[in-house]
C-alpha atoms as a PDB file:
ATOM      1  CA  MET A   1      92.212  87.605  88.715  1.00  0.00           C
ATOM      2  CA  LEU A   2      90.610  84.572  87.021  1.00  0.00           C
ATOM      3  CA  THR A   3      88.123  86.841  85.226  1.00  0.00           C
ATOM      4  CA  ILE A   4      90.933  89.015  83.869  1.00  0.00           C
ATOM      5  CA  PHE A   5      92.931  85.954  82.846  1.00  0.00           C
ATOM      6  CA  VAL A   6      90.090  84.313  80.899  1.00  0.00           C
ATOM      7  CA  GLY A   7      88.591  87.564  79.618  1.00  0.00           C
ATOM      8  CA  THR A   8      91.874  88.704  78.058  1.00  0.00           C
ATOM      9  CA  TYR A   9      92.097  85.586  75.917  1.00  0.00           C
ATOM     10  CA  PHE A  10      88.478  85.728  74.777  1.00  0.00           C
ATOM     11  CA  LEU A  11      88.806  89.420  73.951  1.00  0.00           C
ATOM     12  CA  THR A  12      91.896  88.947  71.780  1.00  0.00           C
ATOM     13  CA  TRP A  13      90.373  85.946  70.010  1.00  0.00           C
ATOM     14  CA  PHE A  14      87.223  87.881  69.191  1.00  0.00           C
ATOM     15  CA  PHE A  15      89.129  91.034  68.204  1.00  0.00           C
ATOM     16  CA  PHE A  16      91.401  89.319  65.669  1.00  0.00           C
ATOM     17  CA  ALA A  17      88.542  87.174  64.396  1.00  0.00           C
ATOM     18  CA  LEU A  18      86.653  90.387  63.642  1.00  0.00           C
ATOM     19  CA  LEU A  19      89.634  91.962  61.854  1.00  0.00           C
ATOM     20  CA  ASN A  20      90.256  88.839  59.770  1.00  0.00           C
ATOM     21  CA  TYR A  21      86.548  88.610  58.991  1.00  0.00           C
ATOM     22  CA  MET A  22      86.628  92.165  57.628  1.00  0.00           C
ATOM     23  CA  VAL A  23      89.652  91.331  55.457  1.00  0.00           C
ATOM     24  CA  ALA A  24      88.024  88.167  54.122  1.00  0.00           C
ATOM     25  CA  TYR A  25      84.696  89.922  53.528  1.00  0.00           C
ATOM     26  CA  SER A  26      86.317  92.783  51.606  1.00  0.00           C
ATOM     27  CA  HIS A  27      88.137  90.216  49.454  1.00  0.00           C
ATOM     28  CA  GLY A  28      84.865  88.443  48.705  1.00  0.00           C
ATOM     29  CA  ASP A  29      85.902  85.197  50.362  1.00  0.00           C
ATOM     30  CA  LEU A  30      82.621  84.826  52.244  1.00  0.00           C
ATOM     31  CA  MET A  31      80.360  85.072  49.180  1.00  0.00           C
ATOM     32  CA  PHE A  32      79.480  81.770  47.507  1.00  0.00           C
ATOM     33  CA  ASP A  33      77.413  80.715  44.520  1.00  0.00           C
ATOM     34  CA  GLU A  34      74.081  79.338  45.746  1.00  0.00           C
ATOM     35  CA  VAL A  35      74.053  76.623  43.091  1.00  0.00           C
ATOM     36  CA  THR A  36      77.652  75.464  42.778  1.00  0.00           C
ATOM     37  CA  GLY A  37      78.929  76.648  46.173  1.00  0.00           C
ATOM     38  CA  GLU A  38      82.036  78.153  44.576  1.00  0.00           C
ATOM     39  CA  ARG A  39      83.667  81.273  45.981  1.00  0.00           C
ATOM     40  CA  LEU A  40      82.749  84.468  44.161  1.00  0.00           C
ATOM     41  CA  GLY A  41      85.562  86.614  45.519  1.00  0.00           C
ATOM     42  CA  GLU A  42      88.630  88.079  43.868  1.00  0.00           C
ATOM     43  CA  GLY A  43      91.941  86.338  43.405  1.00  0.00           C
ATOM     44  CA  LYS A  44      92.923  82.762  42.912  1.00  0.00           C
ATOM     45  CA  GLU A  45      92.707  81.817  46.564  1.00  0.00           C
ATOM     46  CA  PRO A  46      90.897  83.115  49.636  1.00  0.00           C
ATOM     47  CA  CYS A  47      92.845  85.184  52.154  1.00  0.00           C
ATOM     48  CA  ILE A  48      92.252  82.575  54.834  1.00  0.00           C
ATOM     49  CA  LYS A  49      91.549  79.044  53.759  1.00  0.00           C
ATOM     50  CA  GLY A  50      89.025  76.891  55.575  1.00  0.00           C
ATOM     51  CA  VAL A  51      86.784  79.695  56.889  1.00  0.00           C
ATOM     52  CA  TYR A  52      83.241  80.284  55.717  1.00  0.00           C
ATOM     53  CA  ASN A  53      81.610  82.440  58.407  1.00  0.00           C
ATOM     54  CA  PHE A  54      82.366  84.355  61.591  1.00  0.00           C
ATOM     55  CA  VAL A  55      82.265  81.230  63.781  1.00  0.00           C
ATOM     56  CA  SER A  56      84.930  79.507  61.705  1.00  0.00           C
ATOM     57  CA  MET A  57      86.920  82.760  61.818  1.00  0.00           C
ATOM     58  CA  ILE A  58      86.894  82.645  65.631  1.00  0.00           C
ATOM     59  CA  ILE A  59      88.142  79.051  65.479  1.00  0.00           C
ATOM     60  CA  TYR A  60      90.933  80.209  63.167  1.00  0.00           C
ATOM     61  CA  SER A  61      91.828  82.984  65.623  1.00  0.00           C
ATOM     62  CA  VAL A  62      91.991  80.513  68.520  1.00  0.00           C
ATOM     63  CA  GLU A  63      94.147  78.091  66.512  1.00  0.00           C
ATOM     64  CA  THR A  64      96.508  80.898  65.527  1.00  0.00           C
ATOM     65  CA  GLN A  65      97.000  82.353  68.997  1.00  0.00           C
ATOM     66  CA  THR A  66      97.304  79.000  70.758  1.00  0.00           C
ATOM     67  CA  THR A  67      99.467  77.543  67.937  1.00  0.00           C
ATOM     68  CA  ILE A  68      97.271  74.444  67.770  1.00  0.00           C
ATOM     69  CA  GLY A  69      97.515  74.283  63.994  1.00  0.00           C
ATOM     70  CA  PHE A  70      94.978  71.658  62.947  1.00  0.00           C
ATOM     71  CA  GLY A  71      95.911  72.338  59.322  1.00  0.00           C
ATOM     72  CA  GLU A  72      92.475  73.089  57.881  1.00  0.00           C
ATOM     73  CA  LYS A  73      92.523  76.836  58.502  1.00  0.00           C
ATOM     74  CA  TYR A  74      95.530  78.954  57.580  1.00  0.00           C
ATOM     75  CA  ALA A  75      96.435  82.274  55.975  1.00  0.00           C
ATOM     76  CA  SER A  76      97.445  82.181  52.313  1.00  0.00           C
ATOM     77  CA  ASP A  77      99.801  84.519  50.443  1.00  0.00           C
ATOM     78  CA  GLU A  78      96.874  86.040  48.582  1.00  0.00           C
ATOM     79  CA  CYS A  79      96.313  88.896  51.077  1.00  0.00           C
ATOM     80  CA  PRO A  80      99.149  90.769  52.802  1.00  0.00           C
ATOM     81  CA  GLU A  81      96.616  92.046  55.332  1.00  0.00           C
ATOM     82  CA  ALA A  82      95.854  88.540  56.564  1.00  0.00           C
ATOM     83  CA  ILE A  83      99.566  87.743  56.897  1.00  0.00           C
ATOM     84  CA  PHE A  84     100.140  90.977  58.823  1.00  0.00           C
ATOM     85  CA  LEU A  85      97.292  90.166  61.239  1.00  0.00           C
ATOM     86  CA  PHE A  86      98.657  86.647  61.652  1.00  0.00           C
ATOM     87  CA  VAL A  87     102.111  87.940  62.662  1.00  0.00           C
ATOM     88  CA  LEU A  88     100.638  90.671  64.865  1.00  0.00           C
ATOM     89  CA  GLN A  89      98.437  88.206  66.731  1.00  0.00           C
ATOM     90  CA  MET A  90     101.382  85.893  67.379  1.00  0.00           C
ATOM     91  CA  ILE A  91     103.470  88.761  68.790  1.00  0.00           C
ATOM     92  CA  LEU A  92     100.624  90.000  70.981  1.00  0.00           C
ATOM     93  CA  ALA A  93      99.948  86.445  72.177  1.00  0.00           C
ATOM     94  CA  ILE A  94     103.517  86.159  73.476  1.00  0.00           C
ATOM     95  CA  GLY A  95     103.226  89.528  75.227  1.00  0.00           C
ATOM     96  CA  ILE A  96      99.843  88.719  76.769  1.00  0.00           C
ATOM     97  CA  GLU A  97     100.994  85.343  78.072  1.00  0.00           C
ATOM     98  CA  GLY A  98     104.109  86.895  79.597  1.00  0.00           C
ATOM     99  CA  MET A  99     102.070  89.655  81.229  1.00  0.00           C
ATOM    100  CA  LEU A 100      99.485  87.274  82.673  1.00  0.00           C
ATOM    101  CA  VAL A 101     102.138  84.886  83.995  1.00  0.00           C
ATOM    102  CA  SER A 102     103.864  87.830  85.684  1.00  0.00           C
ATOM    103  CA  MET A 103     100.587  88.954  87.253  1.00  0.00           C
ATOM    104  CA  VAL A 104      99.830  85.481  88.601  1.00  0.00           C
ATOM    105  CA  TYR A 105     103.360  85.090  89.962  1.00  0.00           C
ATOM    106  CA  ALA A 106     103.285  88.497  91.641  1.00  0.00           C
ATOM    107  CA  LYS A 107      99.879  87.721  93.134  1.00  0.00           C
ATOM    108  CA  THR A 108     100.926  84.387  94.618  1.00  0.00           C
ATOM    109  CA  ALA A 109     104.457  85.349  95.624  1.00  0.00           C
ATOM    110  CA  ARG A 110     103.604  88.577  97.406  1.00  0.00           C
ATOM    111  CA  PRO A 111     102.111  87.981 100.886  1.00  0.00           C
ATOM    112  CA  ALA A 112     100.566  91.416 101.148  1.00  0.00           C
ATOM    113  CA  LYS A 113      97.224  90.231 102.476  1.00  0.00           C
ATOM    114  CA  GLN A 114      98.820  88.137 105.158  1.00  0.00           C
ATOM    115  CA  ILE A 115     100.203  91.225 106.873  1.00  0.00           C
ATOM    116  CA  THR A 116      96.712  92.215 107.997  1.00  0.00           C
ATOM    117  CA  LYS A 117      95.900  88.761 109.412  1.00  0.00           C
ATOM    118  CA  MET A 118      98.216  88.992 112.396  1.00  0.00           C
ATOM    119  CA  LYS A 119      96.426  90.583 115.331  1.00  0.00           C
ATOM    120  CA  PHE A 120      97.909  92.785 118.049  1.00  0.00           C
ATOM    121  CA  SER A 121      96.235  93.999 121.204  1.00  0.00           C
ATOM    122  CA  ASP A 122      95.109  97.595 120.859  1.00  0.00           C
ATOM    123  CA  LYS A 123      97.019  98.496 124.021  1.00  0.00           C
ATOM    124  CA  ALA A 124     100.146  97.623 125.969  1.00  0.00           C
ATOM    125  CA  VAL A 125     100.249  97.507 129.765  1.00  0.00           C
ATOM    126  CA  ILE A 126     102.820  97.866 132.530  1.00  0.00           C
ATOM    127  CA  CYS A 127     102.376  95.717 135.632  1.00  0.00           C
ATOM    128  CA  HIS A 128     104.199  93.258 137.862  1.00  0.00           C
ATOM    129  CA  ARG A 129     104.897  89.646 136.915  1.00  0.00           C
ATOM    130  CA  ASP A 130     106.554  87.475 139.559  1.00  0.00           C
ATOM    131  CA  GLY A 131     107.485  90.629 141.422  1.00  0.00           C
ATOM    132  CA  LYS A 132     109.190  92.223 138.414  1.00  0.00           C
ATOM    133  CA  LEU A 133     107.966  95.272 136.562  1.00  0.00           C
ATOM    134  CA  CYS A 134     107.252  94.405 132.955  1.00  0.00           C
ATOM    135  CA  LEU A 135     105.781  95.722 129.728  1.00  0.00           C
ATOM    136  CA  LEU A 136     103.167  93.434 128.148  1.00  0.00           C
ATOM    137  CA  PHE A 137     101.169  93.260 124.935  1.00  0.00           C
ATOM    138  CA  ARG A 138      99.250  90.429 123.283  1.00  0.00           C
ATOM    139  CA  VAL A 139      99.547  88.925 119.791  1.00  0.00           C
ATOM    140  CA  CYS A 140      97.767  86.131 117.938  1.00  0.00           C
ATOM    141  CA  ASP A 141      97.328  84.602 114.513  1.00  0.00           C
ATOM    142  CA  PRO A 142      93.640  83.652 114.100  1.00  0.00           C
ATOM    143  CA  ARG A 143      94.192  81.688 110.886  1.00  0.00           C
ATOM    144  CA  LYS A 144      94.246  77.908 110.776  1.00  0.00           C
ATOM    145  CA  GLN A 145      97.661  78.002 109.101  1.00  0.00           C
ATOM    146  CA  GLN A 146      99.704  80.136 111.467  1.00  0.00           C
ATOM    147  CA  VAL A 147     102.998  81.826 110.754  1.00  0.00           C
ATOM    148  CA  ILE A 148     105.916  79.551 111.600  1.00  0.00           C
ATOM    149  CA  GLU A 149     109.383  80.444 112.889  1.00  0.00           C
ATOM    150  CA  SER A 150     108.102  83.814 114.032  1.00  0.00           C
ATOM    151  CA  LYS A 151     110.441  86.396 115.511  1.00  0.00           C
ATOM    152  CA  ILE A 152     109.152  89.377 117.494  1.00  0.00           C
ATOM    153  CA  ARG A 153     111.166  92.566 117.842  1.00  0.00           C
ATOM    154  CA  VAL A 154     110.299  95.677 119.822  1.00  0.00           C
ATOM    155  CA  TYR A 155     112.122  98.959 119.272  1.00  0.00           C
ATOM    156  CA  LEU A 156     112.046 102.007 121.519  1.00  0.00           C
ATOM    157  CA  ILE A 157     112.042 105.155 119.394  1.00  0.00           C
ATOM    158  CA  MET A 158     112.905 108.390 121.174  1.00  0.00           C
ATOM    159  CA  GLY A 159     113.932 111.871 120.135  1.00  0.00           C
ATOM    160  CA  LYS A 160     117.395 113.188 120.917  1.00  0.00           C
ATOM    161  CA  THR A 161     118.951 116.611 120.452  1.00  0.00           C
ATOM    162  CA  THR A 162     122.681 116.776 119.869  1.00  0.00           C
ATOM    163  CA  ARG A 163     124.960 119.435 121.312  1.00  0.00           C
ATOM    164  CA  GLU A 164     124.876 121.127 117.940  1.00  0.00           C
ATOM    165  CA  GLY A 165     121.082 121.375 118.099  1.00  0.00           C
ATOM    166  CA  GLU A 166     120.345 118.610 115.597  1.00  0.00           C
ATOM    167  CA  PHE A 167     117.250 116.527 116.385  1.00  0.00           C
ATOM    168  CA  LEU A 168     117.619 112.778 115.874  1.00  0.00           C
ATOM    169  CA  GLN A 169     115.345 109.764 116.234  1.00  0.00           C
ATOM    170  CA  THR A 170     117.163 107.039 118.162  1.00  0.00           C
ATOM    171  CA  ARG A 171     116.182 103.380 118.045  1.00  0.00           C
ATOM    172  CA  THR A 172     116.889 100.845 120.779  1.00  0.00           C
ATOM    173  CA  GLU A 173     115.786  97.215 120.643  1.00  0.00           C
ATOM    174  CA  LEU A 174     114.142  95.956 123.819  1.00  0.00           C
ATOM    175  CA  LYS A 175     115.092  92.567 125.201  1.00  0.00           C
ATOM    176  CA  LEU A 176     112.085  90.241 125.275  1.00  0.00           C
ATOM    177  CA  ASP A 177     111.359  87.204 127.389  1.00  0.00           C
ATOM    178  CA  GLY A 178     112.291  84.138 125.358  1.00  0.00           C
ATOM    179  CA  ASN A 179     114.397  86.308 123.047  1.00  0.00           C
ATOM    180  CA  GLY A 180     111.274  87.173 121.062  1.00  0.00           C
ATOM    181  CA  GLU A 181     110.851  83.688 119.614  1.00  0.00           C
ATOM    182  CA  GLN A 182     107.172  82.796 119.904  1.00  0.00           C
ATOM    183  CA  ILE A 183     105.109  79.857 118.687  1.00  0.00           C
ATOM    184  CA  ILE A 184     101.863  81.658 118.020  1.00  0.00           C
ATOM    185  CA  VAL A 185      99.466  78.713 117.934  1.00  0.00           C
ATOM    186  CA  TRP A 186      97.234  80.612 120.377  1.00  0.00           C
ATOM    187  CA  PRO A 187      97.260  84.173 121.757  1.00  0.00           C
ATOM    188  CA  GLU A 188     100.588  84.953 123.397  1.00  0.00           C
ATOM    189  CA  ILE A 189     101.551  87.753 125.777  1.00  0.00           C
ATOM    190  CA  VAL A 190     104.913  89.251 124.871  1.00  0.00           C
ATOM    191  CA  CYS A 191     106.914  90.409 127.897  1.00  0.00           C
ATOM    192  CA  HIS A 192     109.758  92.874 128.376  1.00  0.00           C
ATOM    193  CA  PHE A 193     111.142  93.075 131.912  1.00  0.00           C
ATOM    194  CA  ILE A 194     111.848  96.639 132.997  1.00  0.00           C
ATOM    195  CA  ASP A 195     115.063  96.148 134.973  1.00  0.00           C
ATOM    196  CA  GLU A 196     118.382  97.967 135.259  1.00  0.00           C
ATOM    197  CA  THR A 197     119.316  96.996 131.700  1.00  0.00           C
ATOM    198  CA  SER A 198     116.067  98.305 130.201  1.00  0.00           C
ATOM    199  CA  PRO A 199     115.909 101.767 128.603  1.00  0.00           C
ATOM    200  CA  LEU A 200     112.492 102.104 130.298  1.00  0.00           C
ATOM    201  CA  TYR A 201     113.972 101.728 133.771  1.00  0.00           C
ATOM    202  CA  TYR A 202     113.294 105.385 134.519  1.00  0.00           C
ATOM    203  CA  LEU A 203     109.535 104.671 134.564  1.00  0.00           C
ATOM    204  CA  LYS A 204     108.697 104.470 138.272  1.00  0.00           C
ATOM    205  CA  SER A 205     105.053 105.497 138.308  1.00  0.00           C
ATOM    206  CA  ALA A 206     102.035 106.301 136.166  1.00  0.00           C
ATOM    207  CA  LYS A 207     103.094 109.951 136.211  1.00  0.00           C
ATOM    208  CA  ASP A 208     106.448 109.075 134.666  1.00  0.00           C
ATOM    209  CA  LEU A 209     104.669 107.106 131.949  1.00  0.00           C
ATOM    210  CA  ASN A 210     102.247 109.927 131.158  1.00  0.00           C
ATOM    211  CA  GLU A 211     105.102 112.417 130.867  1.00  0.00           C
ATOM    212  CA  ALA A 212     107.289 110.141 128.737  1.00  0.00           C
ATOM    213  CA  GLN A 213     107.719 110.812 125.033  1.00  0.00           C
ATOM    214  CA  PHE A 214     108.566 107.719 123.047  1.00  0.00           C
ATOM    215  CA  GLU A 215     107.070 105.162 120.691  1.00  0.00           C
ATOM    216  CA  LEU A 216     107.266 101.384 120.771  1.00  0.00           C
ATOM    217  CA  TYR A 217     107.565  99.877 117.300  1.00  0.00           C
ATOM    218  CA  VAL A 218     106.593  96.184 117.203  1.00  0.00           C
ATOM    219  CA  SER A 219     107.449  93.875 114.316  1.00  0.00           C
ATOM    220  CA  ILE A 220     106.696  90.178 113.806  1.00  0.00           C
ATOM    221  CA  VAL A 221     108.519  88.390 110.994  1.00  0.00           C
ATOM    222  CA  GLY A 222     107.758  84.787 110.134  1.00  0.00           C
ATOM    223  CA  CYS A 223     107.317  82.259 107.377  1.00  0.00           C
ATOM    224  CA  SER A 224     103.860  81.701 105.941  1.00  0.00           C
ATOM    225  CA  ALA A 225     102.819  78.057 106.091  1.00  0.00           C
ATOM    226  CA  ALA A 226     100.594  78.580 103.046  1.00  0.00           C
ATOM    227  CA  THR A 227     103.055  80.221 100.635  1.00  0.00           C
ATOM    228  CA  ALA A 228     106.449  79.570 102.318  1.00  0.00           C
ATOM    229  CA  MET A 229     107.159  83.265 101.893  1.00  0.00           C
ATOM    230  CA  VAL A 230     108.431  85.629 104.560  1.00  0.00           C
ATOM    231  CA  THR A 231     105.625  87.763 105.971  1.00  0.00           C
ATOM    232  CA  GLU A 232     105.634  90.666 108.391  1.00  0.00           C
ATOM    233  CA  ALA A 233     103.118  92.328 110.682  1.00  0.00           C
ATOM    234  CA  ARG A 234     103.740  95.515 112.641  1.00  0.00           C
ATOM    235  CA  THR A 235     102.152  98.010 114.994  1.00  0.00           C
ATOM    236  CA  SER A 236     103.190 100.696 117.465  1.00  0.00           C
ATOM    237  CA  TYR A 237     102.277 101.929 120.947  1.00  0.00           C
ATOM    238  CA  VAL A 238     102.697 105.379 122.507  1.00  0.00           C
ATOM    239  CA  PRO A 239     102.257 106.467 126.160  1.00  0.00           C
ATOM    240  CA  CYS A 240      98.910 107.868 127.365  1.00  0.00           C
ATOM    241  CA  GLU A 241      97.088 106.632 124.249  1.00  0.00           C
ATOM    242  CA  ASP A 242      98.179 102.989 123.983  1.00  0.00           C
ATOM    243  CA  ILE A 243     100.313 102.149 127.043  1.00  0.00           C
ATOM    244  CA  PHE A 244      98.597 101.934 130.451  1.00  0.00           C
ATOM    245  CA  TRP A 245     100.060 101.701 133.941  1.00  0.00           C
ATOM    246  CA  GLY A 246      98.657  99.229 136.452  1.00  0.00           C
ATOM    247  CA  GLN A 247      96.716  97.082 133.970  1.00  0.00           C
ATOM    248  CA  ARG A 248      96.892  93.379 133.181  1.00  0.00           C
ATOM    249  CA  PHE A 249      95.399  91.297 130.380  1.00  0.00           C
ATOM    250  CA  VAL A 250      92.644  88.906 131.382  1.00  0.00           C
ATOM    251  CA  ASN A 251      93.034  85.203 130.678  1.00  0.00           C
ATOM    252  CA  ILE A 252      91.262  84.180 127.480  1.00  0.00           C
ATOM    253  CA  ILE A 253      92.432  80.553 127.215  1.00  0.00           C
ATOM    254  CA  ASN A 254      90.246  78.115 129.151  1.00  0.00           C
ATOM    255  CA  TYR A 255      89.986  74.344 129.192  1.00  0.00           C
ATOM    256  CA  ASP A 256      86.676  72.825 128.136  1.00  0.00           C
ATOM    257  CA  SER A 257      86.435  69.599 130.135  1.00  0.00           C
ATOM    258  CA  ARG A 258      83.325  68.465 128.277  1.00  0.00           C
ATOM    259  CA  ASN A 259      84.969  68.567 124.843  1.00  0.00           C
ATOM    260  CA  GLU A 260      88.466  67.999 126.253  1.00  0.00           C
ATOM    261  CA  ARG A 261      90.080  70.907 124.476  1.00  0.00           C
ATOM    262  CA  TYR A 262      91.182  74.486 125.057  1.00  0.00           C
ATOM    263  CA  ILE A 263      88.892  77.339 124.072  1.00  0.00           C
ATOM    264  CA  VAL A 264      90.111  80.842 123.170  1.00  0.00           C
ATOM    265  CA  ASP A 265      87.782  83.736 123.975  1.00  0.00           C
ATOM    266  CA  TYR A 266      88.756  86.263 121.301  1.00  0.00           C
ATOM    267  CA  SER A 267      86.016  88.648 122.459  1.00  0.00           C
ATOM    268  CA  ASN A 268      88.227  89.553 125.435  1.00  0.00           C
ATOM    269  CA  PHE A 269      91.446  89.745 123.444  1.00  0.00           C
ATOM    270  CA  ASN A 270      91.943  93.428 124.355  1.00  0.00           C
ATOM    271  CA  THR A 271      90.313  93.332 127.793  1.00  0.00           C
ATOM    272  CA  THR A 272      92.441  94.370 130.775  1.00  0.00           C
ATOM    273  CA  ILE A 273      91.839  94.685 134.509  1.00  0.00           C
ATOM    274  CA  SER A 274      93.346  97.045 137.057  1.00  0.00           C
ATOM    275  CA  VAL A 275      95.947  95.677 139.458  1.00  0.00           C
ATOM    276  CA  ASP A 276      97.602  97.122 142.540  1.00  0.00           C
ATOM    277  CA  MET A 277     100.793  98.976 141.747  1.00  0.00           C
ATOM    278  CA  LYS A 278     103.252 100.518 144.139  1.00  0.00           C
ATOM    279  CA  THR A 279     105.665 103.252 143.241  1.00  0.00           C
ATOM    280  CA  ILE A 280     109.078 101.720 142.678  1.00  0.00           C
ATOM    281  CA  ASP A 281     111.885 103.453 144.502  1.00  0.00           C
END
């Protein structure tokens, strides 16, 4: 972005300096008497006053586009071509500045790269927690400046056929522990209890899970601490491929007594272990 920003200005300065140099050269403004130093060109005045070579022409181009106006170099009314180039460069300068400002604003205001920073576990698991059947998956924000005021939502997407034979995709939001409000300063395990109010209550065994046809759509919306813009991360899980019965995530947060701080083992972020599961009647 910085290269484009700087390069655009240098390119336009050089381009108009070259065009003005050609106009001045064709008018004879750059030819001088070796003895007296007087201009040998046509007309009463040079097309552009105060220029004697290509370097001074570049300085004139910079002064024109940036509207510095030192007063020593300016276009005269001798050559219509020089006046036309002067006006054209001013118009293009306004357009270029507007375009570059828009590019910089769009680059800083759009948090597109931050979407990929949020990390989800590559699987979700179903196991017991405090004697209750629950659906679990893990999330984290490995950056130093984490997303603040984050809100997690999980939607159950299932197919439905109406009595008229029309196939529809239904969406049901799952209730999460803590209402989906997480402070993701370290890896968190998001929990949905599969009770009588859950649309997944029909899952009683691993067989039921393997035969189920649905998709879990997960979305995390928060405010970026770096840009103060709303950012979103999302993923999805499907049975058999991403959701496993009788698994539990291993603990990856341990206390280091020597350094008196907590250590996160990101190498085991997706690691699970098998746990005993009984068929729920």
